[in-house]
């Protein structure tokens, strides 16, 4: 585990001080940016609510989004199944040629 770095991030015009691993800094900053963009989007779509409402909506949106890791894992699983099928076909071809 590498040393943690300190970041100051803004969510809905409020500052938060967090510590993250250096390799996660870009992901954290990108995530914060997406959340802030969603907050602004919700403010434009549904004017008249308080900031807590918009923040809650943005975090619910974020929590329901599939992560890149889960997408990668499902693609990896699919590829693994395809490789196993190819191996079965190759085994049958080799067996029939003997």
PDB file of N, CA and C in Angstrom:
ATOM      1  N   UNK A   1       0.854  -1.179   0.000  1.00  0.00           N
ATOM      2  CA  UNK A   1       0.000   0.000   0.000  1.00  0.00           C
ATOM      3  C   UNK A   1       0.893   1.234   0.000  1.00  0.00           C
ATOM      4  N   UNK A   2       0.613   2.143  -0.902  1.00  0.00           N
ATOM      5  CA  UNK A   2       1.410   3.358  -0.991  1.00  0.00           C
ATOM      6  C   UNK A   2       0.879   4.407  -0.007  1.00  0.00           C
ATOM      7  N   UNK A   3       1.679   5.417   0.203  1.00  0.00           N
ATOM      8  CA  UNK A   3       1.278   6.492   1.118  1.00  0.00           C
ATOM      9  C   UNK A   3       0.085   7.240   0.538  1.00  0.00           C
ATOM     10  N   UNK A   4      -0.792   7.638   1.408  1.00  0.00           N
ATOM     11  CA  UNK A   4      -1.979   8.368   0.979  1.00  0.00           C
ATOM     12  C   UNK A   4      -1.636   9.821   0.707  1.00  0.00           C
ATOM     13  N   UNK A   5      -2.344  10.398  -0.247  1.00  0.00           N
ATOM     14  CA  UNK A   5      -2.177  11.819  -0.523  1.00  0.00           C
ATOM     15  C   UNK A   5      -3.452  12.545  -0.113  1.00  0.00           C
ATOM     16  N   UNK A   6      -3.304  13.788   0.284  1.00  0.00           N
ATOM     17  CA  UNK A   6      -4.450  14.599   0.707  1.00  0.00           C
ATOM     18  C   UNK A   6      -5.018  15.351  -0.483  1.00  0.00           C
ATOM     19  N   UNK A   7      -6.335  15.341  -0.588  1.00  0.00           N
ATOM     20  CA  UNK A   7      -7.027  16.082  -1.633  1.00  0.00           C
ATOM     21  C   UNK A   7      -8.079  16.969  -1.005  1.00  0.00           C
ATOM     22  N   UNK A   8      -8.313  18.091  -1.626  1.00  0.00           N
ATOM     23  CA  UNK A   8      -9.433  18.941  -1.277  1.00  0.00           C
ATOM     24  C   UNK A   8     -10.383  18.882  -2.456  1.00  0.00           C
ATOM     25  N   UNK A   9     -11.596  18.400  -2.209  1.00  0.00           N
ATOM     26  CA  UNK A   9     -12.579  18.286  -3.284  1.00  0.00           C
ATOM     27  C   UNK A   9     -13.796  19.116  -2.932  1.00  0.00           C
ATOM     28  N   UNK A  10     -14.495  19.555  -3.957  1.00  0.00           N
ATOM     29  CA  UNK A  10     -15.715  20.345  -3.786  1.00  0.00           C
ATOM     30  C   UNK A  10     -16.899  19.570  -4.322  1.00  0.00           C
ATOM     31  N   UNK A  11     -17.908  19.426  -3.481  1.00  0.00           N
ATOM     32  CA  UNK A  11     -19.172  18.841  -3.912  1.00  0.00           C
ATOM     33  C   UNK A  11     -20.246  19.850  -3.534  1.00  0.00           C
ATOM     34  N   UNK A  12     -20.950  20.336  -4.555  1.00  0.00           N
ATOM     35  CA  UNK A  12     -22.023  21.312  -4.351  1.00  0.00           C
ATOM     36  C   UNK A  12     -21.533  22.508  -3.546  1.00  0.00           C
ATOM     37  N   UNK A  13     -20.415  23.051  -3.940  1.00  0.00           N
ATOM     38  CA  UNK A  13     -19.829  24.251  -3.329  1.00  0.00           C
ATOM     39  C   UNK A  13     -19.400  24.070  -1.877  1.00  0.00           C
ATOM     40  N   UNK A  14     -19.202  22.834  -1.440  1.00  0.00           N
ATOM     41  CA  UNK A  14     -18.677  22.569  -0.094  1.00  0.00           C
ATOM     42  C   UNK A  14     -17.366  21.827  -0.239  1.00  0.00           C
ATOM     43  N   UNK A  15     -16.391  22.220   0.572  1.00  0.00           N
ATOM     44  CA  UNK A  15     -15.079  21.592   0.521  1.00  0.00           C
ATOM     45  C   UNK A  15     -15.011  20.395   1.459  1.00  0.00           C
ATOM     46  N   UNK A  16     -14.355  19.356   0.951  1.00  0.00           N
ATOM     47  CA  UNK A  16     -14.113  18.164   1.748  1.00  0.00           C
ATOM     48  C   UNK A  16     -12.643  17.800   1.609  1.00  0.00           C
ATOM     49  N   UNK A  17     -12.050  17.393   2.702  1.00  0.00           N
ATOM     50  CA  UNK A  17     -10.650  16.986   2.708  1.00  0.00           C
ATOM     51  C   UNK A  17     -10.618  15.472   2.845  1.00  0.00           C
ATOM     52  N   UNK A  18     -10.013  14.821   1.871  1.00  0.00           N
ATOM     53  CA  UNK A  18      -9.964  13.368   1.883  1.00  0.00           C
ATOM     54  C   UNK A  18      -8.536  12.900   1.604  1.00  0.00           C
ATOM     55  N   UNK A  19      -8.278  11.644   1.935  1.00  0.00           N
ATOM     56  CA  UNK A  19      -6.985  11.036   1.632  1.00  0.00           C
ATOM     57  C   UNK A  19      -7.240   9.826   0.739  1.00  0.00           C
ATOM     58  N   UNK A  20      -6.465   9.739  -0.328  1.00  0.00           N
ATOM     59  CA  UNK A  20      -6.605   8.641  -1.274  1.00  0.00           C
ATOM     60  C   UNK A  20      -5.225   8.124  -1.673  1.00  0.00           C
ATOM     61  N   UNK A  21      -5.210   6.938  -2.222  1.00  0.00           N
ATOM     62  CA  UNK A  21      -3.969   6.412  -2.762  1.00  0.00           C
ATOM     63  C   UNK A  21      -3.672   7.146  -4.064  1.00  0.00           C
ATOM     64  N   UNK A  22      -2.401   7.420  -4.336  1.00  0.00           N
ATOM     65  CA  UNK A  22      -2.061   8.202  -5.532  1.00  0.00           C
ATOM     66  C   UNK A  22      -2.639   7.640  -6.832  1.00  0.00           C
ATOM     67  N   UNK A  23      -2.680   6.311  -6.952  1.00  0.00           N
ATOM     68  CA  UNK A  23      -3.194   5.721  -8.189  1.00  0.00           C
ATOM     69  C   UNK A  23      -4.707   5.905  -8.339  1.00  0.00           C
ATOM     70  N   UNK A  24      -5.395   6.292  -7.277  1.00  0.00           N
ATOM     71  CA  UNK A  24      -6.842   6.515  -7.328  1.00  0.00           C
ATOM     72  C   UNK A  24      -7.220   7.989  -7.465  1.00  0.00           C
ATOM     73  N   UNK A  25      -6.249   8.869  -7.461  1.00  0.00           N
ATOM     74  CA  UNK A  25      -6.542  10.308  -7.483  1.00  0.00           C
ATOM     75  C   UNK A  25      -7.371  10.706  -8.701  1.00  0.00           C
ATOM     76  N   UNK A  26      -6.961  10.273  -9.875  1.00  0.00           N
ATOM     77  CA  UNK A  26      -7.680  10.655 -11.095  1.00  0.00           C
ATOM     78  C   UNK A  26      -9.119  10.139 -11.073  1.00  0.00           C
ATOM     79  N   UNK A  27      -9.310   8.927 -10.603  1.00  0.00           N
ATOM     80  CA  UNK A  27     -10.650   8.343 -10.530  1.00  0.00           C
ATOM     81  C   UNK A  27     -11.522   9.129  -9.562  1.00  0.00           C
ATOM     82  N   UNK A  28     -10.961   9.491  -8.414  1.00  0.00           N
ATOM     83  CA  UNK A  28     -11.721  10.262  -7.421  1.00  0.00           C
ATOM     84  C   UNK A  28     -12.105  11.617  -8.001  1.00  0.00           C
ATOM     85  N   UNK A  29     -11.160  12.293  -8.615  1.00  0.00           N
ATOM     86  CA  UNK A  29     -11.452  13.617  -9.184  1.00  0.00           C
ATOM     87  C   UNK A  29     -12.504  13.528 -10.289  1.00  0.00           C
ATOM     88  N   UNK A  30     -12.414  12.494 -11.121  1.00  0.00           N
ATOM     89  CA  UNK A  30     -13.394  12.305 -12.191  1.00  0.00           C
ATOM     90  C   UNK A  30     -14.777  12.014 -11.606  1.00  0.00           C
ATOM     91  N   UNK A  31     -14.826  11.216 -10.572  1.00  0.00           N
ATOM     92  CA  UNK A  31     -16.092  10.893  -9.919  1.00  0.00           C
ATOM     93  C   UNK A  31     -16.728  12.137  -9.323  1.00  0.00           C
ATOM     94  N   UNK A  32     -15.934  12.943  -8.637  1.00  0.00           N
ATOM     95  CA  UNK A  32     -16.438  14.191  -8.046  1.00  0.00           C
ATOM     96  C   UNK A  32     -16.973  15.106  -9.144  1.00  0.00           C
ATOM     97  N   UNK A  33     -16.262  15.170 -10.258  1.00  0.00           N
ATOM     98  CA  UNK A  33     -16.707  16.008 -11.374  1.00  0.00           C
ATOM     99  C   UNK A  33     -18.054  15.518 -11.911  1.00  0.00           C
ATOM    100  N   UNK A  34     -18.206  14.204 -12.060  1.00  0.00           N
ATOM    101  CA  UNK A  34     -19.478  13.645 -12.532  1.00  0.00           C
ATOM    102  C   UNK A  34     -20.618  13.965 -11.564  1.00  0.00           C
ATOM    103  N   UNK A  35     -20.351  13.841 -10.288  1.00  0.00           N
ATOM    104  CA  UNK A  35     -21.371  14.114  -9.283  1.00  0.00           C
ATOM    105  C   UNK A  35     -21.798  15.580  -9.345  1.00  0.00           C
ATOM    106  N   UNK A  36     -20.828  16.485  -9.420  1.00  0.00           N
ATOM    107  CA  UNK A  36     -21.157  17.914  -9.513  1.00  0.00           C
ATOM    108  C   UNK A  36     -21.940  18.229 -10.781  1.00  0.00           C
ATOM    109  N   UNK A  37     -21.591  17.581 -11.902  1.00  0.00           N
ATOM    110  CA  UNK A  37     -22.326  17.790 -13.141  1.00  0.00           C
ATOM    111  C   UNK A  37     -23.774  17.312 -13.001  1.00  0.00           C
ATOM    112  N   UNK A  38     -23.966  16.180 -12.335  1.00  0.00           N
ATOM    113  CA  UNK A  38     -25.322  15.661 -12.127  1.00  0.00           C
ATOM    114  C   UNK A  38     -26.126  16.584 -11.226  1.00  0.00           C
ATOM    115  N   UNK A  39     -25.488  17.123 -10.199  1.00  0.00           N
ATOM    116  CA  UNK A  39     -26.182  18.065  -9.310  1.00  0.00           C
ATOM    117  C   UNK A  39     -26.687  19.259 -10.125  1.00  0.00           C
ATOM    118  N   UNK A  40     -25.827  19.819 -10.973  1.00  0.00           N
ATOM    119  CA  UNK A  40     -26.243  20.950 -11.813  1.00  0.00           C
ATOM    120  C   UNK A  40     -27.351  20.554 -12.782  1.00  0.00           C
ATOM    121  N   UNK A  41     -27.241  19.368 -13.332  1.00  0.00           N
ATOM    122  CA  UNK A  41     -28.270  18.872 -14.256  1.00  0.00           C
ATOM    123  C   UNK A  41     -29.622  18.755 -13.554  1.00  0.00           C
ATOM    124  N   UNK A  42     -29.620  18.206 -12.341  1.00  0.00           N
ATOM    125  CA  UNK A  42     -30.869  18.077 -11.598  1.00  0.00           C
ATOM    126  C   UNK A  42     -31.427  19.451 -11.212  1.00  0.00           C
ATOM    127  N   UNK A  43     -30.537  20.404 -10.886  1.00  0.00           N
ATOM    128  CA  UNK A  43     -31.005  21.750 -10.547  1.00  0.00           C
ATOM    129  C   UNK A  43     -31.709  22.398 -11.734  1.00  0.00           C
ATOM    130  N   UNK A  44     -31.192  22.159 -12.943  1.00  0.00           N
ATOM    131  CA  UNK A  44     -31.810  22.733 -14.145  1.00  0.00           C
ATOM    132  C   UNK A  44     -33.116  22.032 -14.490  1.00  0.00           C
ATOM    133  N   UNK A  45     -33.163  20.714 -14.304  1.00  0.00           N
ATOM    134  CA  UNK A  45     -34.356  19.947 -14.655  1.00  0.00           C
ATOM    135  C   UNK A  45     -35.497  20.147 -13.666  1.00  0.00           C
ATOM    136  N   UNK A  46     -35.157  20.346 -12.389  1.00  0.00           N
ATOM    137  CA  UNK A  46     -36.182  20.430 -11.337  1.00  0.00           C
ATOM    138  C   UNK A  46     -35.906  21.612 -10.415  1.00  0.00           C
ATOM    139  N   UNK A  47     -36.139  22.811 -10.877  1.00  0.00           N
ATOM    140  CA  UNK A  47     -35.877  23.965 -10.018  1.00  0.00           C
ATOM    141  C   UNK A  47     -36.825  24.006  -8.822  1.00  0.00           C
ATOM    142  N   UNK A  48     -36.351  24.647  -7.752  1.00  0.00           N
ATOM    143  CA  UNK A  48     -37.204  24.863  -6.598  1.00  0.00           C
ATOM    144  C   UNK A  48     -36.925  23.969  -5.405  1.00  0.00           C
ATOM    145  N   UNK A  49     -36.081  22.989  -5.557  1.00  0.00           N
ATOM    146  CA  UNK A  49     -35.750  22.121  -4.424  1.00  0.00           C
ATOM    147  C   UNK A  49     -34.506  22.644  -3.721  1.00  0.00           C
ATOM    148  N   UNK A  50     -34.259  22.150  -2.516  1.00  0.00           N
ATOM    149  CA  UNK A  50     -33.047  22.571  -1.810  1.00  0.00           C
ATOM    150  C   UNK A  50     -31.853  21.732  -2.271  1.00  0.00           C
ATOM    151  N   UNK A  51     -30.664  22.197  -1.908  1.00  0.00           N
ATOM    152  CA  UNK A  51     -29.434  21.564  -2.368  1.00  0.00           C
ATOM    153  C   UNK A  51     -29.330  20.117  -1.879  1.00  0.00           C
ATOM    154  N   UNK A  52     -29.815  19.840  -0.702  1.00  0.00           N
ATOM    155  CA  UNK A  52     -29.755  18.472  -0.180  1.00  0.00           C
ATOM    156  C   UNK A  52     -30.517  17.512  -1.093  1.00  0.00           C
ATOM    157  N   UNK A  53     -31.620  17.973  -1.632  1.00  0.00           N
ATOM    158  CA  UNK A  53     -32.411  17.157  -2.556  1.00  0.00           C
ATOM    159  C   UNK A  53     -31.592  16.822  -3.807  1.00  0.00           C
ATOM    160  N   UNK A  54     -30.938  17.830  -4.386  1.00  0.00           N
ATOM    161  CA  UNK A  54     -30.141  17.611  -5.597  1.00  0.00           C
ATOM    162  C   UNK A  54     -28.945  16.690  -5.318  1.00  0.00           C
ATOM    163  N   UNK A  55     -28.314  16.896  -4.176  1.00  0.00           N
ATOM    164  CA  UNK A  55     -27.177  16.044  -3.806  1.00  0.00           C
ATOM    165  C   UNK A  55     -27.641  14.602  -3.647  1.00  0.00           C
ATOM    166  N   UNK A  56     -28.771  14.415  -2.992  1.00  0.00           N
ATOM    167  CA  UNK A  56     -29.313  13.065  -2.803  1.00  0.00           C
ATOM    168  C   UNK A  56     -29.605  12.403  -4.143  1.00  0.00           C
ATOM    169  N   UNK A  57     -30.215  13.134  -5.054  1.00  0.00           N
ATOM    170  CA  UNK A  57     -30.503  12.590  -6.382  1.00  0.00           C
ATOM    171  C   UNK A  57     -29.217  12.215  -7.111  1.00  0.00           C
ATOM    172  N   UNK A  58     -28.222  13.082  -7.013  1.00  0.00           N
ATOM    173  CA  UNK A  58     -26.955  12.809  -7.698  1.00  0.00           C
ATOM    174  C   UNK A  58     -26.278  11.562  -7.139  1.00  0.00           C
ATOM    175  N   UNK A  59     -26.307  11.414  -5.823  1.00  0.00           N
ATOM    176  CA  UNK A  59     -25.677  10.236  -5.228  1.00  0.00           C
ATOM    177  C   UNK A  59     -26.476   8.961  -5.517  1.00  0.00           C
ATOM    178  N   UNK A  60     -27.809   9.063  -5.572  1.00  0.00           N
ATOM    179  CA  UNK A  60     -28.601   7.894  -5.958  1.00  0.00           C
ATOM    180  C   UNK A  60     -28.294   7.507  -7.399  1.00  0.00           C
ATOM    181  N   UNK A  61     -28.169   8.500  -8.278  1.00  0.00           N
ATOM    182  CA  UNK A  61     -27.808   8.233  -9.667  1.00  0.00           C
ATOM    183  C   UNK A  61     -26.454   7.536  -9.713  1.00  0.00           C
ATOM    184  N   UNK A  62     -25.493   8.086  -8.985  1.00  0.00           N
ATOM    185  CA  UNK A  62     -24.145   7.526  -9.007  1.00  0.00           C
ATOM    186  C   UNK A  62     -24.122   6.091  -8.474  1.00  0.00           C
ATOM    187  N   UNK A  63     -24.850   5.842  -7.407  1.00  0.00           N
ATOM    188  CA  UNK A  63     -24.854   4.519  -6.789  1.00  0.00           C
ATOM    189  C   UNK A  63     -25.467   3.461  -7.700  1.00  0.00           C
ATOM    190  N   UNK A  64     -26.331   3.863  -8.608  1.00  0.00           N
ATOM    191  CA  UNK A  64     -26.981   2.898  -9.487  1.00  0.00           C
ATOM    192  C   UNK A  64     -26.274   2.718 -10.825  1.00  0.00           C
ATOM    193  N   UNK A  65     -25.208   3.463 -11.050  1.00  0.00           N
ATOM    194  CA  UNK A  65     -24.458   3.326 -12.289  1.00  0.00           C
ATOM    195  C   UNK A  65     -23.524   2.131 -12.197  1.00  0.00           C
ATOM    196  N   UNK A  66     -23.464   1.319 -13.256  1.00  0.00           N
ATOM    197  CA  UNK A  66     -22.517   0.201 -13.208  1.00  0.00           C
ATOM    198  C   UNK A  66     -21.086   0.737 -13.221  1.00  0.00           C
ATOM    199  N   UNK A  67     -20.267   0.154 -12.389  1.00  0.00           N
ATOM    200  CA  UNK A  67     -18.881   0.606 -12.345  1.00  0.00           C
ATOM    201  C   UNK A  67     -18.105   0.047 -13.530  1.00  0.00           C
ATOM    202  N   UNK A  68     -17.025   0.704 -13.874  1.00  0.00           N
ATOM    203  CA  UNK A  68     -16.184   0.226 -14.965  1.00  0.00           C
ATOM    204  C   UNK A  68     -15.632  -1.160 -14.651  1.00  0.00           C
ATOM    205  N   UNK A  69     -15.348  -1.414 -13.378  1.00  0.00           N
ATOM    206  CA  UNK A  69     -14.816  -2.714 -12.989  1.00  0.00           C
ATOM    207  C   UNK A  69     -15.843  -3.815 -13.219  1.00  0.00           C
ATOM    208  N   UNK A  70     -17.107  -3.556 -12.872  1.00  0.00           N
ATOM    209  CA  UNK A  70     -18.116  -4.595 -13.077  1.00  0.00           C
ATOM    210  C   UNK A  70     -18.351  -4.838 -14.559  1.00  0.00           C
ATOM    211  N   UNK A  71     -18.293  -3.785 -15.366  1.00  0.00           N
ATOM    212  CA  UNK A  71     -18.423  -3.949 -16.816  1.00  0.00           C
ATOM    213  C   UNK A  71     -17.251  -4.765 -17.349  1.00  0.00           C
ATOM    214  N   UNK A  72     -16.048  -4.441 -16.886  1.00  0.00           N
ATOM    215  CA  UNK A  72     -14.862  -5.174 -17.303  1.00  0.00           C
ATOM    216  C   UNK A  72     -14.983  -6.638 -16.904  1.00  0.00           C
ATOM    217  N   UNK A  73     -15.447  -6.909 -15.670  1.00  0.00           N
ATOM    218  CA  UNK A  73     -15.582  -8.285 -15.202  1.00  0.00           C
ATOM    219  C   UNK A  73     -16.593  -9.061 -16.035  1.00  0.00           C
ATOM    220  N   UNK A  74     -17.708  -8.435 -16.414  1.00  0.00           N
ATOM    221  CA  UNK A  74     -18.695  -9.138 -17.222  1.00  0.00           C
ATOM    222  C   UNK A  74     -18.156  -9.416 -18.620  1.00  0.00           C
ATOM    223  N   UNK A  75     -17.400  -8.474 -19.185  1.00  0.00           N
ATOM    224  CA  UNK A  75     -16.787  -8.707 -20.490  1.00  0.00           C
ATOM    225  C   UNK A  75     -15.742  -9.807 -20.405  1.00  0.00           C
ATOM    226  N   UNK A  76     -14.992  -9.812 -19.325  1.00  0.00           N
ATOM    227  CA  UNK A  76     -13.985 -10.846 -19.116  1.00  0.00           C
ATOM    228  C   UNK A  76     -14.640 -12.213 -18.986  1.00  0.00           C
ATOM    229  N   UNK A  77     -15.738 -12.286 -18.263  1.00  0.00           N
ATOM    230  CA  UNK A  77     -16.479 -13.542 -18.110  1.00  0.00           C
ATOM    231  C   UNK A  77     -16.970 -14.032 -19.465  1.00  0.00           C
ATOM    232  N   UNK A  78     -17.514 -13.121 -20.273  1.00  0.00           N
ATOM    233  CA  UNK A  78     -17.998 -13.472 -21.604  1.00  0.00           C
ATOM    234  C   UNK A  78     -16.861 -14.014 -22.465  1.00  0.00           C
ATOM    235  N   UNK A  79     -15.724 -13.342 -22.445  1.00  0.00           N
ATOM    236  CA  UNK A  79     -14.571 -13.801 -23.225  1.00  0.00           C
ATOM    237  C   UNK A  79     -14.084 -15.165 -22.754  1.00  0.00           C
ATOM    238  N   UNK A  80     -14.109 -15.379 -21.457  1.00  0.00           N
ATOM    239  CA  UNK A  80     -13.687 -16.665 -20.910  1.00  0.00           C
ATOM    240  C   UNK A  80     -14.607 -17.779 -21.408  1.00  0.00           C
ATOM    241  N   UNK A  81     -15.896 -17.523 -21.448  1.00  0.00           N
ATOM    242  CA  UNK A  81     -16.837 -18.515 -21.966  1.00  0.00           C
ATOM    243  C   UNK A  81     -16.582 -18.805 -23.445  1.00  0.00           C
ATOM    244  N   UNK A  82     -16.322 -17.762 -24.215  1.00  0.00           N
ATOM    245  CA  UNK A  82     -16.040 -17.936 -25.637  1.00  0.00           C
ATOM    246  C   UNK A  82     -14.776 -18.771 -25.849  1.00  0.00           C
ATOM    247  N   UNK A  83     -13.750 -18.507 -25.069  1.00  0.00           N
ATOM    248  CA  UNK A  83     -12.503 -19.268 -25.179  1.00  0.00           C
ATOM    249  C   UNK A  83     -12.734 -20.731 -24.839  1.00  0.00           C
ATOM    250  N   UNK A  84     -13.529 -20.997 -23.812  1.00  0.00           N
ATOM    251  CA  UNK A  84     -13.835 -22.381 -23.436  1.00  0.00           C
ATOM    252  C   UNK A  84     -14.575 -23.095 -24.557  1.00  0.00           C
ATOM    253  N   UNK A  85     -15.505 -22.403 -25.220  1.00  0.00           N
ATOM    254  CA  UNK A  85     -16.221 -23.008 -26.347  1.00  0.00           C
ATOM    255  C   UNK A  85     -15.274 -23.300 -27.499  1.00  0.00           C
ATOM    256  N   UNK A  86     -14.367 -22.400 -27.783  1.00  0.00           N
ATOM    257  CA  UNK A  86     -13.384 -22.608 -28.851  1.00  0.00           C
ATOM    258  C   UNK A  86     -12.491 -23.799 -28.517  1.00  0.00           C
ATOM    259  N   UNK A  87     -12.092 -23.902 -27.252  1.00  0.00           N
ATOM    260  CA  UNK A  87     -11.271 -25.035 -26.830  1.00  0.00           C
ATOM    261  C   UNK A  87     -12.009 -26.357 -27.030  1.00  0.00           C
ATOM    262  N   UNK A  88     -13.302 -26.387 -26.713  1.00  0.00           N
ATOM    263  CA  UNK A  88     -14.099 -27.604 -26.909  1.00  0.00           C
ATOM    264  C   UNK A  88     -14.153 -27.989 -28.386  1.00  0.00           C
ATOM    265  N   UNK A  89     -14.386 -27.015 -29.241  1.00  0.00           N
ATOM    266  CA  UNK A  89     -14.417 -27.274 -30.675  1.00  0.00           C
ATOM    267  C   UNK A  89     -13.063 -27.787 -31.156  1.00  0.00           C
ATOM    268  N   UNK A  90     -11.992 -27.145 -30.707  1.00  0.00           N
ATOM    269  CA  UNK A  90     -10.650 -27.573 -31.108  1.00  0.00           C
ATOM    270  C   UNK A  90     -10.358 -28.987 -30.625  1.00  0.00           C
ATOM    271  N   UNK A  91     -10.767 -29.313 -29.408  1.00  0.00           N
ATOM    272  CA  UNK A  91     -10.578 -30.666 -28.890  1.00  0.00           C
ATOM    273  C   UNK A  91     -11.327 -31.693 -29.736  1.00  0.00           C
ATOM    274  N   UNK A  92     -12.559 -31.381 -30.132  1.00  0.00           N
ATOM    275  CA  UNK A  92     -13.344 -32.295 -30.969  1.00  0.00           C
ATOM    276  C   UNK A  92     -12.681 -32.499 -32.322  1.00  0.00           C
ATOM    277  N   UNK A  93     -12.163 -31.425 -32.898  1.00  0.00           N
ATOM    278  CA  UNK A  93     -11.480 -31.523 -34.194  1.00  0.00           C
ATOM    279  C   UNK A  93     -10.235 -32.386 -34.066  1.00  0.00           C
ATOM    280  N   UNK A  94      -9.478 -32.176 -33.011  1.00  0.00           N
ATOM    281  CA  UNK A  94      -8.266 -32.969 -32.796  1.00  0.00           C
ATOM    282  C   UNK A  94      -8.606 -34.439 -32.555  1.00  0.00           C
ATOM    283  N   UNK A  95      -9.658 -34.715 -31.809  1.00  0.00           N
ATOM    284  CA  UNK A  95     -10.064 -36.090 -31.546  1.00  0.00           C
ATOM    285  C   UNK A  95     -10.515 -36.783 -32.808  1.00  0.00           C
ATOM    286  N   UNK A  96     -11.250 -36.081 -33.675  1.00  0.00           N
ATOM    287  CA  UNK A  96     -11.750 -36.701 -34.891  1.00  0.00           C
ATOM    288  C   UNK A  96     -10.654 -36.910 -35.932  1.00  0.00           C
ATOM    289  N   UNK A  97      -9.581 -36.159 -35.843  1.00  0.00           N
ATOM    290  CA  UNK A  97      -8.476 -36.322 -36.799  1.00  0.00           C
ATOM    291  C   UNK A  97      -7.505 -37.425 -36.398  1.00  0.00           C
ATOM    292  N   UNK A  98      -7.648 -37.958 -35.202  1.00  0.00           N
ATOM    293  CA  UNK A  98      -6.728 -39.014 -34.753  1.00  0.00           C
ATOM    294  C   UNK A  98      -7.113 -40.360 -35.262  1.00  0.00           C
TER     295      UNK A  98
END
